[in-house]
Amino acid sequence: MKVTVLYFAVVRELVGVAEEERELPSEVRTIGDVARYLEGVHGALAGRLGAVRIARNEVFAEGSEGIAEGDVIALIPPVSGG
């Protein structure tokens, strides 16, 4: 299944790209699976996605939520301001 992955802020800096299309292995079926898969593909993300919110098609998603062909997955780290 092919999805588009968007990376924001520090996550984008760690990965080195703002957006990419990924063909996911058949065992990647949920948002949680996507997070684990991306940690494996992009070593700089390993162990760093705990505080990152993940959105599926512009709506924040839970780890157990399923994914589908053509979804847009966004990794959005916490933002602080002042």
Protein backbone atom coordinates (compact mmCIF):
# COMPACT_ATOMS: atom_id res chain seq x y z
CA MET A 1 0.00 0.00 0.00
CA LYS A 2 1.31 3.45 -0.91
CA VAL A 3 0.96 6.45 1.43
CA THR A 4 2.34 9.97 1.53
CA VAL A 5 4.25 10.90 4.68
CA LEU A 6 4.64 14.55 5.74
CA TYR A 7 7.31 15.55 8.25
CA PHE A 8 7.12 18.77 10.26
CA ALA A 9 9.58 20.86 12.33
CA VAL A 10 12.29 18.86 14.10
CA VAL A 11 11.07 15.58 12.59
CA ARG A 12 11.66 17.05 9.12
CA GLU A 13 15.17 18.05 10.20
CA LEU A 14 15.91 14.55 11.48
CA VAL A 15 14.66 12.85 8.31
CA GLY A 16 16.04 15.42 5.86
CA VAL A 17 12.89 15.71 3.72
CA ALA A 18 9.52 17.39 4.16
CA GLU A 19 7.50 14.79 2.26
CA GLU A 20 7.87 11.36 0.72
CA GLU A 21 5.78 8.60 -0.78
CA ARG A 22 6.26 5.20 0.78
CA GLU A 23 5.24 1.76 -0.35
CA LEU A 24 4.51 0.06 2.97
CA PRO A 25 5.09 -3.64 3.65
CA SER A 26 1.91 -5.71 3.98
CA GLU A 27 2.34 -6.08 7.75
CA VAL A 28 2.06 -2.29 8.26
CA ARG A 29 -1.68 -1.86 8.87
CA THR A 30 -2.11 0.74 11.63
CA ILE A 31 -0.80 4.16 12.59
CA GLY A 32 1.34 2.50 15.27
CA ASP A 33 2.79 0.15 12.66
CA VAL A 34 3.62 3.16 10.46
CA ALA A 35 5.47 4.83 13.34
CA ARG A 36 7.53 1.70 14.03
CA TYR A 37 8.22 1.23 10.31
CA LEU A 38 9.41 4.83 9.91
CA GLU A 39 11.68 4.49 12.95
CA GLY A 40 13.30 1.54 11.19
CA VAL A 41 13.62 3.30 7.83
CA HIS A 42 14.90 6.57 9.29
CA GLY A 43 17.29 5.65 12.10
CA ALA A 44 17.33 9.24 13.39
CA LEU A 45 13.67 8.78 14.42
CA ALA A 46 14.33 5.68 16.53
CA GLY A 47 12.96 6.23 20.03
CA ARG A 48 11.92 9.81 19.27
CA LEU A 49 8.31 9.45 18.17
CA GLY A 50 6.77 9.05 21.64
CA ALA A 51 5.75 12.71 21.90
CA VAL A 52 5.04 13.15 18.18
CA ARG A 53 1.39 13.35 17.15
CA ILE A 54 0.43 11.49 14.01
CA ALA A 55 -2.39 12.62 11.77
CA ARG A 56 -4.12 10.59 9.08
CA ASN A 57 -5.76 12.63 6.34
CA GLU A 58 -5.57 15.83 8.43
CA VAL A 59 -7.13 14.32 11.57
CA PHE A 60 -5.09 13.27 14.61
CA ALA A 61 -5.05 9.48 14.83
CA GLU A 62 -4.58 6.87 17.54
CA GLY A 63 -1.97 4.12 17.19
CA SER A 64 -4.59 1.42 16.66
CA GLU A 65 -6.31 3.24 13.78
CA GLY A 66 -6.08 1.47 10.44
CA ILE A 67 -4.56 2.95 7.32
CA ALA A 68 -5.57 2.72 3.67
CA GLU A 69 -4.09 3.14 0.21
CA GLY A 70 -3.47 6.80 -0.59
CA ASP A 71 -3.60 8.07 3.00
CA VAL A 72 -1.59 11.13 3.95
CA ILE A 73 0.25 10.54 7.22
CA ALA A 74 1.72 13.57 9.02
CA LEU A 75 4.24 13.48 11.86
CA ILE A 76 3.80 16.59 14.01
CA PRO A 77 6.11 17.15 16.99
CA PRO A 78 5.07 19.24 19.99
CA VAL A 79 5.55 22.96 19.51
CA SER A 80 6.43 25.41 22.22
CA GLY A 81 6.11 29.13 22.07
CA GLY A 82 6.41 32.13 24.20
